[in-house]
mmCIF file of all heavy atoms, coordinates in Angstrom:
data_MODEL
# 
_entry.id   MODEL 
# 
loop_
_atom_site.group_PDB 
_atom_site.id 
_atom_site.type_symbol 
_atom_site.label_atom_id 
_atom_site.label_alt_id 
_atom_site.label_comp_id 
_atom_site.label_asym_id 
_atom_site.label_entity_id 
_atom_site.label_seq_id 
_atom_site.pdbx_PDB_ins_code 
_atom_site.Cartn_x 
_atom_site.Cartn_y 
_atom_site.Cartn_z 
_atom_site.occupancy 
_atom_site.B_iso_or_equiv 
_atom_site.pdbx_formal_charge 
_atom_site.auth_seq_id 
_atom_site.auth_comp_id 
_atom_site.auth_asym_id 
_atom_site.auth_atom_id 
_atom_site.pdbx_PDB_model_num 
ATOM 1   N N   . LEU A 1 1  ? 0.861   -1.195 0.000  1.00 0.00 ? 1  LEU A N   1 
ATOM 2   C CA  . LEU A 1 1  ? 0.000   0.000  0.000  1.00 0.00 ? 1  LEU A CA  1 
ATOM 3   C C   . LEU A 1 1  ? 0.896   1.244  0.000  1.00 0.00 ? 1  LEU A C   1 
ATOM 4   O O   . LEU A 1 1  ? 1.001   1.948  1.007  1.00 0.00 ? 1  LEU A O   1 
ATOM 5   C CB  . LEU A 1 1  ? -0.915  0.003  1.226  1.00 0.00 ? 1  LEU A CB  1 
ATOM 6   C CG  . LEU A 1 1  ? -1.946  -1.113 1.325  1.00 0.00 ? 1  LEU A CG  1 
ATOM 7   C CD1 . LEU A 1 1  ? -2.659  -1.070 2.668  1.00 0.00 ? 1  LEU A CD1 1 
ATOM 8   C CD2 . LEU A 1 1  ? -2.955  -1.007 0.201  1.00 0.00 ? 1  LEU A CD2 1 
ATOM 9   N N   . PRO A 1 2  ? 1.538   1.543  -1.127 1.00 0.00 ? 2  PRO A N   1 
ATOM 10  C CA  . PRO A 1 2  ? 2.516   2.643  -1.151 1.00 0.00 ? 2  PRO A CA  1 
ATOM 11  C C   . PRO A 1 2  ? 1.920   4.024  -0.914 1.00 0.00 ? 2  PRO A C   1 
ATOM 12  O O   . PRO A 1 2  ? 2.637   4.943  -0.534 1.00 0.00 ? 2  PRO A O   1 
ATOM 13  C CB  . PRO A 1 2  ? 3.137   2.539  -2.552 1.00 0.00 ? 2  PRO A CB  1 
ATOM 14  C CG  . PRO A 1 2  ? 2.168   1.751  -3.363 1.00 0.00 ? 2  PRO A CG  1 
ATOM 15  C CD  . PRO A 1 2  ? 1.416   0.872  -2.409 1.00 0.00 ? 2  PRO A CD  1 
ATOM 16  N N   . LYS A 1 3  ? 0.621   4.179  -1.095 1.00 0.00 ? 3  LYS A N   1 
ATOM 17  C CA  . LYS A 1 3  ? 0.005   5.497  -0.896 1.00 0.00 ? 3  LYS A CA  1 
ATOM 18  C C   . LYS A 1 3  ? -0.148  5.845  0.583  1.00 0.00 ? 3  LYS A C   1 
ATOM 19  O O   . LYS A 1 3  ? -0.346  7.002  0.931  1.00 0.00 ? 3  LYS A O   1 
ATOM 20  C CB  . LYS A 1 3  ? -1.364  5.561  -1.574 1.00 0.00 ? 3  LYS A CB  1 
ATOM 21  C CG  . LYS A 1 3  ? -1.267  5.526  -3.084 1.00 0.00 ? 3  LYS A CG  1 
ATOM 22  C CD  . LYS A 1 3  ? -2.616  5.644  -3.726 1.00 0.00 ? 3  LYS A CD  1 
ATOM 23  C CE  . LYS A 1 3  ? -2.493  5.598  -5.235 1.00 0.00 ? 3  LYS A CE  1 
ATOM 24  N NZ  . LYS A 1 3  ? -3.787  5.680  -5.901 1.00 0.00 ? 3  LYS A NZ  1 
ATOM 25  N N   . LEU A 1 4  ? -0.076  4.842  1.454  1.00 0.00 ? 4  LEU A N   1 
ATOM 26  C CA  . LEU A 1 4  ? -0.209  5.095  2.893  1.00 0.00 ? 4  LEU A CA  1 
ATOM 27  C C   . LEU A 1 4  ? 1.153   5.364  3.515  1.00 0.00 ? 4  LEU A C   1 
ATOM 28  O O   . LEU A 1 4  ? 2.130   4.680  3.216  1.00 0.00 ? 4  LEU A O   1 
ATOM 29  C CB  . LEU A 1 4  ? -0.825  3.881  3.599  1.00 0.00 ? 4  LEU A CB  1 
ATOM 30  C CG  . LEU A 1 4  ? -2.311  3.669  3.457  1.00 0.00 ? 4  LEU A CG  1 
ATOM 31  C CD1 . LEU A 1 4  ? -2.724  2.407  4.213  1.00 0.00 ? 4  LEU A CD1 1 
ATOM 32  C CD2 . LEU A 1 4  ? -3.096  4.838  3.979  1.00 0.00 ? 4  LEU A CD2 1 
ATOM 33  N N   . SER A 1 5  ? 1.193   6.323  4.398  1.00 0.00 ? 5  SER A N   1 
ATOM 34  C CA  . SER A 1 5  ? 2.442   6.595  5.103  1.00 0.00 ? 5  SER A CA  1 
ATOM 35  C C   . SER A 1 5  ? 2.636   5.539  6.185  1.00 0.00 ? 5  SER A C   1 
ATOM 36  O O   . SER A 1 5  ? 1.685   4.878  6.619  1.00 0.00 ? 5  SER A O   1 
ATOM 37  C CB  . SER A 1 5  ? 2.404   7.986  5.734  1.00 0.00 ? 5  SER A CB  1 
ATOM 38  O OG  . SER A 1 5  ? 1.493   8.004  6.823  1.00 0.00 ? 5  SER A OG  1 
ATOM 39  N N   . GLU A 1 6  ? 3.875   5.392  6.618  1.00 0.00 ? 6  GLU A N   1 
ATOM 40  C CA  . GLU A 1 6  ? 4.160   4.421  7.682  1.00 0.00 ? 6  GLU A CA  1 
ATOM 41  C C   . GLU A 1 6  ? 3.457   4.810  8.978  1.00 0.00 ? 6  GLU A C   1 
ATOM 42  O O   . GLU A 1 6  ? 3.063   3.946  9.753  1.00 0.00 ? 6  GLU A O   1 
ATOM 43  C CB  . GLU A 1 6  ? 5.666   4.254  7.873  1.00 0.00 ? 6  GLU A CB  1 
ATOM 44  C CG  . GLU A 1 6  ? 6.316   3.536  6.707  1.00 0.00 ? 6  GLU A CG  1 
ATOM 45  C CD  . GLU A 1 6  ? 7.733   3.094  6.978  1.00 0.00 ? 6  GLU A CD  1 
ATOM 46  O OE1 . GLU A 1 6  ? 8.256   3.344  8.088  1.00 0.00 ? 6  GLU A OE1 1 
ATOM 47  O OE2 . GLU A 1 6  ? 8.332   2.495  6.074  1.00 0.00 ? 6  GLU A OE2 1 
ATOM 48  N N   . ASP A 1 7  ? 3.283   6.100  9.210  1.00 0.00 ? 7  ASP A N   1 
ATOM 49  C CA  . ASP A 1 7  ? 2.559   6.559  10.398 1.00 0.00 ? 7  ASP A CA  1 
ATOM 50  C C   . ASP A 1 7  ? 1.098   6.102  10.356 1.00 0.00 ? 7  ASP A C   1 
ATOM 51  O O   . ASP A 1 7  ? 0.540   5.681  11.373 1.00 0.00 ? 7  ASP A O   1 
ATOM 52  C CB  . ASP A 1 7  ? 2.619   8.079  10.529 1.00 0.00 ? 7  ASP A CB  1 
ATOM 53  C CG  . ASP A 1 7  ? 4.011   8.585  10.908 1.00 0.00 ? 7  ASP A CG  1 
ATOM 54  O OD1 . ASP A 1 7  ? 4.794   7.784  11.463 1.00 0.00 ? 7  ASP A OD1 1 
ATOM 55  O OD2 . ASP A 1 7  ? 4.293   9.760  10.641 1.00 0.00 ? 7  ASP A OD2 1 
ATOM 56  N N   . ASN A 1 8  ? 0.475   6.200  9.178  1.00 0.00 ? 8  ASN A N   1 
ATOM 57  C CA  . ASN A 1 8  ? -0.909  5.739  9.041  1.00 0.00 ? 8  ASN A CA  1 
ATOM 58  C C   . ASN A 1 8  ? -1.024  4.231  9.227  1.00 0.00 ? 8  ASN A C   1 
ATOM 59  O O   . ASN A 1 8  ? -1.972  3.745  9.833  1.00 0.00 ? 8  ASN A O   1 
ATOM 60  C CB  . ASN A 1 8  ? -1.481  6.137  7.674  1.00 0.00 ? 8  ASN A CB  1 
ATOM 61  C CG  . ASN A 1 8  ? -1.753  7.614  7.567  1.00 0.00 ? 8  ASN A CG  1 
ATOM 62  O OD1 . ASN A 1 8  ? -1.863  8.314  8.556  1.00 0.00 ? 8  ASN A OD1 1 
ATOM 63  N ND2 . ASN A 1 8  ? -1.840  8.104  6.345  1.00 0.00 ? 8  ASN A ND2 1 
ATOM 64  N N   . ILE A 1 9  ? -0.045  3.498  8.703  1.00 0.00 ? 9  ILE A N   1 
ATOM 65  C CA  . ILE A 1 9  ? -0.042  2.041  8.875  1.00 0.00 ? 9  ILE A CA  1 
ATOM 66  C C   . ILE A 1 9  ? 0.122   1.698  10.354 1.00 0.00 ? 9  ILE A C   1 
ATOM 67  O O   . ILE A 1 9  ? -0.569  0.825  10.880 1.00 0.00 ? 9  ILE A O   1 
ATOM 68  C CB  . ILE A 1 9  ? 1.063   1.394  8.011  1.00 0.00 ? 9  ILE A CB  1 
ATOM 69  C CG1 . ILE A 1 9  ? 0.745   1.604  6.525  1.00 0.00 ? 9  ILE A CG1 1 
ATOM 70  C CG2 . ILE A 1 9  ? 1.209   -0.087 8.327  1.00 0.00 ? 9  ILE A CG2 1 
ATOM 71  C CD1 . ILE A 1 9  ? 1.875   1.234  5.580  1.00 0.00 ? 9  ILE A CD1 1 
ATOM 72  N N   . TYR A 1 10 ? 1.026   2.399  11.023 1.00 0.00 ? 10 TYR A N   1 
ATOM 73  C CA  . TYR A 1 10 ? 1.249   2.195  12.458 1.00 0.00 ? 10 TYR A CA  1 
ATOM 74  C C   . TYR A 1 10 ? -0.039  2.467  13.238 1.00 0.00 ? 10 TYR A C   1 
ATOM 75  O O   . TYR A 1 10 ? -0.434  1.684  14.110 1.00 0.00 ? 10 TYR A O   1 
ATOM 76  C CB  . TYR A 1 10 ? 2.380   3.123  12.925 1.00 0.00 ? 10 TYR A CB  1 
ATOM 77  C CG  . TYR A 1 10 ? 2.802   2.930  14.353 1.00 0.00 ? 10 TYR A CG  1 
ATOM 78  C CD1 . TYR A 1 10 ? 3.745   1.973  14.687 1.00 0.00 ? 10 TYR A CD1 1 
ATOM 79  C CD2 . TYR A 1 10 ? 2.272   3.718  15.372 1.00 0.00 ? 10 TYR A CD2 1 
ATOM 80  C CE1 . TYR A 1 10 ? 4.153   1.792  16.001 1.00 0.00 ? 10 TYR A CE1 1 
ATOM 81  C CE2 . TYR A 1 10 ? 2.667   3.551  16.682 1.00 0.00 ? 10 TYR A CE2 1 
ATOM 82  C CZ  . TYR A 1 10 ? 3.606   2.585  16.997 1.00 0.00 ? 10 TYR A CZ  1 
ATOM 83  O OH  . TYR A 1 10 ? 3.994   2.408  18.294 1.00 0.00 ? 10 TYR A OH  1 
ATOM 84  N N   . GLU A 1 11 ? -0.698  3.569  12.909 1.00 0.00 ? 11 GLU A N   1 
ATOM 85  C CA  . GLU A 1 11 ? -1.962  3.932  13.562 1.00 0.00 ? 11 GLU A CA  1 
ATOM 86  C C   . GLU A 1 11 ? -3.019  2.846  13.331 1.00 0.00 ? 11 GLU A C   1 
ATOM 87  O O   . GLU A 1 11 ? -3.744  2.452  14.255 1.00 0.00 ? 11 GLU A O   1 
ATOM 88  C CB  . GLU A 1 11 ? -2.442  5.270  13.010 1.00 0.00 ? 11 GLU A CB  1 
ATOM 89  C CG  . GLU A 1 11 ? -3.753  5.761  13.575 1.00 0.00 ? 11 GLU A CG  1 
ATOM 90  C CD  . GLU A 1 11 ? -4.217  7.034  12.885 1.00 0.00 ? 11 GLU A CD  1 
ATOM 91  O OE1 . GLU A 1 11 ? -3.383  7.824  12.427 1.00 0.00 ? 11 GLU A OE1 1 
ATOM 92  O OE2 . GLU A 1 11 ? -5.445  7.221  12.824 1.00 0.00 ? 11 GLU A OE2 1 
ATOM 93  N N   . SER A 1 12 ? -3.100  2.353  12.117 1.00 0.00 ? 12 SER A N   1 
ATOM 94  C CA  . SER A 1 12 ? -4.068  1.312  11.784 1.00 0.00 ? 12 SER A CA  1 
ATOM 95  C C   . SER A 1 12 ? -3.774  0.018  12.544 1.00 0.00 ? 12 SER A C   1 
ATOM 96  O O   . SER A 1 12 ? -4.684  -0.639 13.047 1.00 0.00 ? 12 SER A O   1 
ATOM 97  C CB  . SER A 1 12 ? -4.066  1.056  10.279 1.00 0.00 ? 12 SER A CB  1 
ATOM 98  O OG  . SER A 1 12 ? -5.037  0.092  9.952  1.00 0.00 ? 12 SER A OG  1 
ATOM 99  N N   . MET A 1 13 ? -2.514  -0.339 12.635 1.00 0.00 ? 13 MET A N   1 
ATOM 100 C CA  . MET A 1 13 ? -2.134  -1.560 13.364 1.00 0.00 ? 13 MET A CA  1 
ATOM 101 C C   . MET A 1 13 ? -2.468  -1.425 14.847 1.00 0.00 ? 13 MET A C   1 
ATOM 102 O O   . MET A 1 13 ? -2.888  -2.386 15.484 1.00 0.00 ? 13 MET A O   1 
ATOM 103 C CB  . MET A 1 13 ? -0.665  -1.881 13.141 1.00 0.00 ? 13 MET A CB  1 
ATOM 104 C CG  . MET A 1 13 ? -0.375  -2.385 11.747 1.00 0.00 ? 13 MET A CG  1 
ATOM 105 S SD  . MET A 1 13 ? 1.364   -2.791 11.542 1.00 0.00 ? 13 MET A SD  1 
ATOM 106 C CE  . MET A 1 13 ? 1.379   -3.325 9.846  1.00 0.00 ? 13 MET A CE  1 
ATOM 107 N N   . ASN A 1 14 ? -2.272  -0.241 15.399 1.00 0.00 ? 14 ASN A N   1 
ATOM 108 C CA  . ASN A 1 14 ? -2.655  -0.017 16.799 1.00 0.00 ? 14 ASN A CA  1 
ATOM 109 C C   . ASN A 1 14 ? -4.162  -0.160 16.971 1.00 0.00 ? 14 ASN A C   1 
ATOM 110 O O   . ASN A 1 14 ? -4.631  -0.709 17.974 1.00 0.00 ? 14 ASN A O   1 
ATOM 111 C CB  . ASN A 1 14 ? -2.193  1.362  17.275 1.00 0.00 ? 14 ASN A CB  1 
ATOM 112 C CG  . ASN A 1 14 ? -0.735  1.378  17.650 1.00 0.00 ? 14 ASN A CG  1 
ATOM 113 O OD1 . ASN A 1 14 ? -0.206  0.394  18.150 1.00 0.00 ? 14 ASN A OD1 1 
ATOM 114 N ND2 . ASN A 1 14 ? -0.068  2.484  17.387 1.00 0.00 ? 14 ASN A ND2 1 
ATOM 115 N N   . TYR A 1 15 ? -4.931  0.328  16.007 1.00 0.00 ? 15 TYR A N   1 
ATOM 116 C CA  . TYR A 1 15 ? -6.386  0.183  16.055 1.00 0.00 ? 15 TYR A CA  1 
ATOM 117 C C   . TYR A 1 15 ? -6.781  -1.295 15.974 1.00 0.00 ? 15 TYR A C   1 
ATOM 118 O O   . TYR A 1 15 ? -7.651  -1.751 16.712 1.00 0.00 ? 15 TYR A O   1 
ATOM 119 C CB  . TYR A 1 15 ? -7.040  0.971  14.915 1.00 0.00 ? 15 TYR A CB  1 
ATOM 120 C CG  . TYR A 1 15 ? -8.537  0.808  14.872 1.00 0.00 ? 15 TYR A CG  1 
ATOM 121 C CD1 . TYR A 1 15 ? -9.342  1.523  15.749 1.00 0.00 ? 15 TYR A CD1 1 
ATOM 122 C CD2 . TYR A 1 15 ? -9.139  -0.068 13.987 1.00 0.00 ? 15 TYR A CD2 1 
ATOM 123 C CE1 . TYR A 1 15 ? -10.726 1.366  15.740 1.00 0.00 ? 15 TYR A CE1 1 
ATOM 124 C CE2 . TYR A 1 15 ? -10.511 -0.233 13.963 1.00 0.00 ? 15 TYR A CE2 1 
ATOM 125 C CZ  . TYR A 1 15 ? -11.300 0.487  14.840 1.00 0.00 ? 15 TYR A CZ  1 
ATOM 126 O OH  . TYR A 1 15 ? -12.666 0.317  14.830 1.00 0.00 ? 15 TYR A OH  1 
ATOM 127 N N   . LEU A 1 16 ? -6.135  -2.042 15.068 1.00 0.00 ? 16 LEU A N   1 
ATOM 128 C CA  . LEU A 1 16 ? -6.425  -3.473 14.946 1.00 0.00 ? 16 LEU A CA  1 
ATOM 129 C C   . LEU A 1 16 ? -6.090  -4.206 16.246 1.00 0.00 ? 16 LEU A C   1 
ATOM 130 O O   . LEU A 1 16 ? -6.803  -5.123 16.643 1.00 0.00 ? 16 LEU A O   1 
ATOM 131 C CB  . LEU A 1 16 ? -5.647  -4.078 13.769 1.00 0.00 ? 16 LEU A CB  1 
ATOM 132 C CG  . LEU A 1 16 ? -6.051  -3.599 12.376 1.00 0.00 ? 16 LEU A CG  1 
ATOM 133 C CD1 . LEU A 1 16 ? -5.081  -4.134 11.325 1.00 0.00 ? 16 LEU A CD1 1 
ATOM 134 C CD2 . LEU A 1 16 ? -7.480  -3.986 12.045 1.00 0.00 ? 16 LEU A CD2 1 
ATOM 135 N N   . GLU A 1 17 ? -5.027  -3.767 16.915 1.00 0.00 ? 17 GLU A N   1 
ATOM 136 C CA  . GLU A 1 17 ? -4.692  -4.372 18.210 1.00 0.00 ? 17 GLU A CA  1 
ATOM 137 C C   . GLU A 1 17 ? -5.757  -4.023 19.250 1.00 0.00 ? 17 GLU A C   1 
ATOM 138 O O   . GLU A 1 17 ? -6.180  -4.875 20.033 1.00 0.00 ? 17 GLU A O   1 
ATOM 139 C CB  . GLU A 1 17 ? -3.322  -3.915 18.693 1.00 0.00 ? 17 GLU A CB  1 
ATOM 140 C CG  . GLU A 1 17 ? -2.946  -4.594 20.015 1.00 0.00 ? 17 GLU A CG  1 
ATOM 141 C CD  . GLU A 1 17 ? -1.598  -4.170 20.541 1.00 0.00 ? 17 GLU A CD  1 
ATOM 142 O OE1 . GLU A 1 17 ? -1.272  -2.976 20.484 1.00 0.00 ? 17 GLU A OE1 1 
ATOM 143 O OE2 . GLU A 1 17 ? -0.890  -5.065 21.047 1.00 0.00 ? 17 GLU A OE2 1 
ATOM 144 N N   . PHE A 1 18 ? -6.210  -2.786 19.250 1.00 0.00 ? 18 PHE A N   1 
ATOM 145 C CA  . PHE A 1 18 ? -7.254  -2.350 20.173 1.00 0.00 ? 18 PHE A CA  1 
ATOM 146 C C   . PHE A 1 18 ? -8.514  -3.202 20.001 1.00 0.00 ? 18 PHE A C   1 
ATOM 147 O O   . PHE A 1 18 ? -9.186  -3.555 20.968 1.00 0.00 ? 18 PHE A O   1 
ATOM 148 C CB  . PHE A 1 18 ? -7.566  -0.872 19.945 1.00 0.00 ? 18 PHE A CB  1 
ATOM 149 C CG  . PHE A 1 18 ? -8.750  -0.366 20.715 1.00 0.00 ? 18 PHE A CG  1 
ATOM 150 C CD1 . PHE A 1 18 ? -8.658  -0.147 22.077 1.00 0.00 ? 18 PHE A CD1 1 
ATOM 151 C CD2 . PHE A 1 18 ? -9.952  -0.119 20.078 1.00 0.00 ? 18 PHE A CD2 1 
ATOM 152 C CE1 . PHE A 1 18 ? -9.753  0.308  22.808 1.00 0.00 ? 18 PHE A CE1 1 
ATOM 153 C CE2 . PHE A 1 18 ? -11.051 0.334  20.784 1.00 0.00 ? 18 PHE A CE2 1 
ATOM 154 C CZ  . PHE A 1 18 ? -10.961 0.552  22.150 1.00 0.00 ? 18 PHE A CZ  1 
ATOM 155 N N   . LYS A 1 19 ? -8.841  -3.557 18.754 1.00 0.00 ? 19 LYS A N   1 
ATOM 156 C CA  . LYS A 1 19 ? -10.016 -4.378 18.455 1.00 0.00 ? 19 LYS A CA  1 
ATOM 157 C C   . LYS A 1 19 ? -9.773  -5.875 18.709 1.00 0.00 ? 19 LYS A C   1 
ATOM 158 O O   . LYS A 1 19 ? -10.686 -6.683 18.576 1.00 0.00 ? 19 LYS A O   1 
ATOM 159 C CB  . LYS A 1 19 ? -10.458 -4.190 16.994 1.00 0.00 ? 19 LYS A CB  1 
ATOM 160 C CG  . LYS A 1 19 ? -11.049 -2.838 16.725 1.00 0.00 ? 19 LYS A CG  1 
ATOM 161 C CD  . LYS A 1 19 ? -12.339 -2.690 17.478 1.00 0.00 ? 19 LYS A CD  1 
ATOM 162 C CE  . LYS A 1 19 ? -13.105 -1.468 17.077 1.00 0.00 ? 19 LYS A CE  1 
ATOM 163 N NZ  . LYS A 1 19 ? -14.364 -1.347 17.764 1.00 0.00 ? 19 LYS A NZ  1 
ATOM 164 N N   . GLY A 1 20 ? -8.537  -6.250 19.057 1.00 0.00 ? 20 GLY A N   1 
ATOM 165 C CA  . GLY A 1 20 ? -8.229  -7.638 19.360 1.00 0.00 ? 20 GLY A CA  1 
ATOM 166 C C   . GLY A 1 20 ? -7.984  -8.497 18.128 1.00 0.00 ? 20 GLY A C   1 
ATOM 167 O O   . GLY A 1 20 ? -7.998  -9.723 18.213 1.00 0.00 ? 20 GLY A O   1 
ATOM 168 N N   . LEU A 1 21 ? -7.733  -7.863 16.977 1.00 0.00 ? 21 LEU A N   1 
ATOM 169 C CA  . LEU A 1 21 ? -7.522  -8.608 15.739 1.00 0.00 ? 21 LEU A CA  1 
ATOM 170 C C   . LEU A 1 21 ? -6.057  -8.981 15.526 1.00 0.00 ? 21 LEU A C   1 
ATOM 171 O O   . LEU A 1 21 ? -5.755  -9.932 14.808 1.00 0.00 ? 21 LEU A O   1 
ATOM 172 C CB  . LEU A 1 21 ? -8.042  -7.803 14.547 1.00 0.00 ? 21 LEU A CB  1 
ATOM 173 C CG  . LEU A 1 21 ? -9.522  -7.403 14.638 1.00 0.00 ? 21 LEU A CG  1 
ATOM 174 C CD1 . LEU A 1 21 ? -9.894  -6.466 13.503 1.00 0.00 ? 21 LEU A CD1 1 
ATOM 175 C CD2 . LEU A 1 21 ? -10.415 -8.615 14.647 1.00 0.00 ? 21 LEU A CD2 1 
ATOM 176 N N   . VAL A 1 22 ? -5.162  -8.217 16.144 1.00 0.00 ? 22 VAL A N   1 
ATOM 177 C CA  . VAL A 1 22 ? -3.728  -8.518 16.091 1.00 0.00 ? 22 VAL A CA  1 
ATOM 178 C C   . VAL A 1 22 ? -3.128  -8.268 17.474 1.00 0.00 ? 22 VAL A C   1 
ATOM 179 O O   . VAL A 1 22 ? -3.714  -7.584 18.304 1.00 0.00 ? 22 VAL A O   1 
ATOM 180 C CB  . VAL A 1 22 ? -2.980  -7.661 15.034 1.00 0.00 ? 22 VAL A CB  1 
ATOM 181 C CG1 . VAL A 1 22 ? -3.502  -7.919 13.635 1.00 0.00 ? 22 VAL A CG1 1 
ATOM 182 C CG2 . VAL A 1 22 ? -3.029  -6.190 15.370 1.00 0.00 ? 22 VAL A CG2 1 
ATOM 183 N N   . SER A 1 23 ? -1.951  -8.833 17.675 1.00 0.00 ? 23 SER A N   1 
ATOM 184 C CA  . SER A 1 23 ? -1.183  -8.590 18.893 1.00 0.00 ? 23 SER A CA  1 
ATOM 185 C C   . SER A 1 23 ? 0.167   -8.039 18.451 1.00 0.00 ? 23 SER A C   1 
ATOM 186 O O   . SER A 1 23 ? 0.803   -8.587 17.543 1.00 0.00 ? 23 SER A O   1 
ATOM 187 C CB  . SER A 1 23 ? -1.010  -9.910 19.655 1.00 0.00 ? 23 SER A CB  1 
ATOM 188 O OG  . SER A 1 23 ? -0.181  -9.716 20.763 1.00 0.00 ? 23 SER A OG  1 
ATOM 189 N N   . ILE A 1 24 ? 0.591   -6.958 19.067 1.00 0.00 ? 24 ILE A N   1 
ATOM 190 C CA  . ILE A 1 24 ? 1.792   -6.249 18.623 1.00 0.00 ? 24 ILE A CA  1 
ATOM 191 C C   . ILE A 1 24 ? 2.892   -6.326 19.677 1.00 0.00 ? 24 ILE A C   1 
ATOM 192 O O   . ILE A 1 24 ? 2.639   -6.175 20.862 1.00 0.00 ? 24 ILE A O   1 
ATOM 193 C CB  . ILE A 1 24 ? 1.460   -4.763 18.343 1.00 0.00 ? 24 ILE A CB  1 
ATOM 194 C CG1 . ILE A 1 24 ? 0.519   -4.651 17.153 1.00 0.00 ? 24 ILE A CG1 1 
ATOM 195 C CG2 . ILE A 1 24 ? 2.718   -3.955 18.109 1.00 0.00 ? 24 ILE A CG2 1 
ATOM 196 C CD1 . ILE A 1 24 ? 0.031   -3.236 16.900 1.00 0.00 ? 24 ILE A CD1 1 
ATOM 197 N N   . THR A 1 25 ? 4.143   -6.533 19.211 1.00 0.00 ? 25 THR A N   1 
ATOM 198 C CA  . THR A 1 25 ? 5.328   -6.433 20.054 1.00 0.00 ? 25 THR A CA  1 
ATOM 199 C C   . THR A 1 25 ? 6.118   -5.225 19.554 1.00 0.00 ? 25 THR A C   1 
ATOM 200 O O   . THR A 1 25 ? 6.480   -5.160 18.379 1.00 0.00 ? 25 THR A O   1 
ATOM 201 C CB  . THR A 1 25 ? 6.202   -7.696 19.946 1.00 0.00 ? 25 THR A CB  1 
ATOM 202 O OG1 . THR A 1 25 ? 5.407   -8.823 20.299 1.00 0.00 ? 25 THR A OG1 1 
ATOM 203 C CG2 . THR A 1 25 ? 7.403   -7.613 20.853 1.00 0.00 ? 25 THR A CG2 1 
ATOM 204 N N   . ILE A 1 26 ? 6.359   -4.272 20.451 1.00 0.00 ? 26 ILE A N   1 
ATOM 205 C CA  . ILE A 1 26 ? 7.068   -3.043 20.068 1.00 0.00 ? 26 ILE A CA  1 
ATOM 206 C C   . ILE A 1 26 ? 8.481   -3.082 20.643 1.00 0.00 ? 26 ILE A C   1 
ATOM 207 O O   . ILE A 1 26 ? 8.680   -3.428 21.809 1.00 0.00 ? 26 ILE A O   1 
ATOM 208 C CB  . ILE A 1 26 ? 6.316   -1.800 20.578 1.00 0.00 ? 26 ILE A CB  1 
ATOM 209 C CG1 . ILE A 1 26 ? 4.956   -1.715 19.898 1.00 0.00 ? 26 ILE A CG1 1 
ATOM 210 C CG2 . ILE A 1 26 ? 7.132   -0.538 20.328 1.00 0.00 ? 26 ILE A CG2 1 
ATOM 211 C CD1 . ILE A 1 26 ? 4.105   -0.564 20.334 1.00 0.00 ? 26 ILE A CD1 1 
ATOM 212 N N   . ALA A 1 27 ? 9.454   -2.741 19.779 1.00 0.00 ? 27 ALA A N   1 
ATOM 213 C CA  . ALA A 1 27 ? 10.850  -2.635 20.208 1.00 0.00 ? 27 ALA A CA  1 
ATOM 214 C C   . ALA A 1 27 ? 11.443  -1.395 19.553 1.00 0.00 ? 27 ALA A C   1 
ATOM 215 O O   . ALA A 1 27 ? 11.239  -1.158 18.363 1.00 0.00 ? 27 ALA A O   1 
ATOM 216 C CB  . ALA A 1 27 ? 11.627  -3.883 19.797 1.00 0.00 ? 27 ALA A CB  1 
# 
């Protein structure tokens, strides 16, 4: 998805984690 910035992808992944659809490990 080259049109999306990495910040938007990061925000979306955090939302997906909030909804319980993914689990994220941050380093």
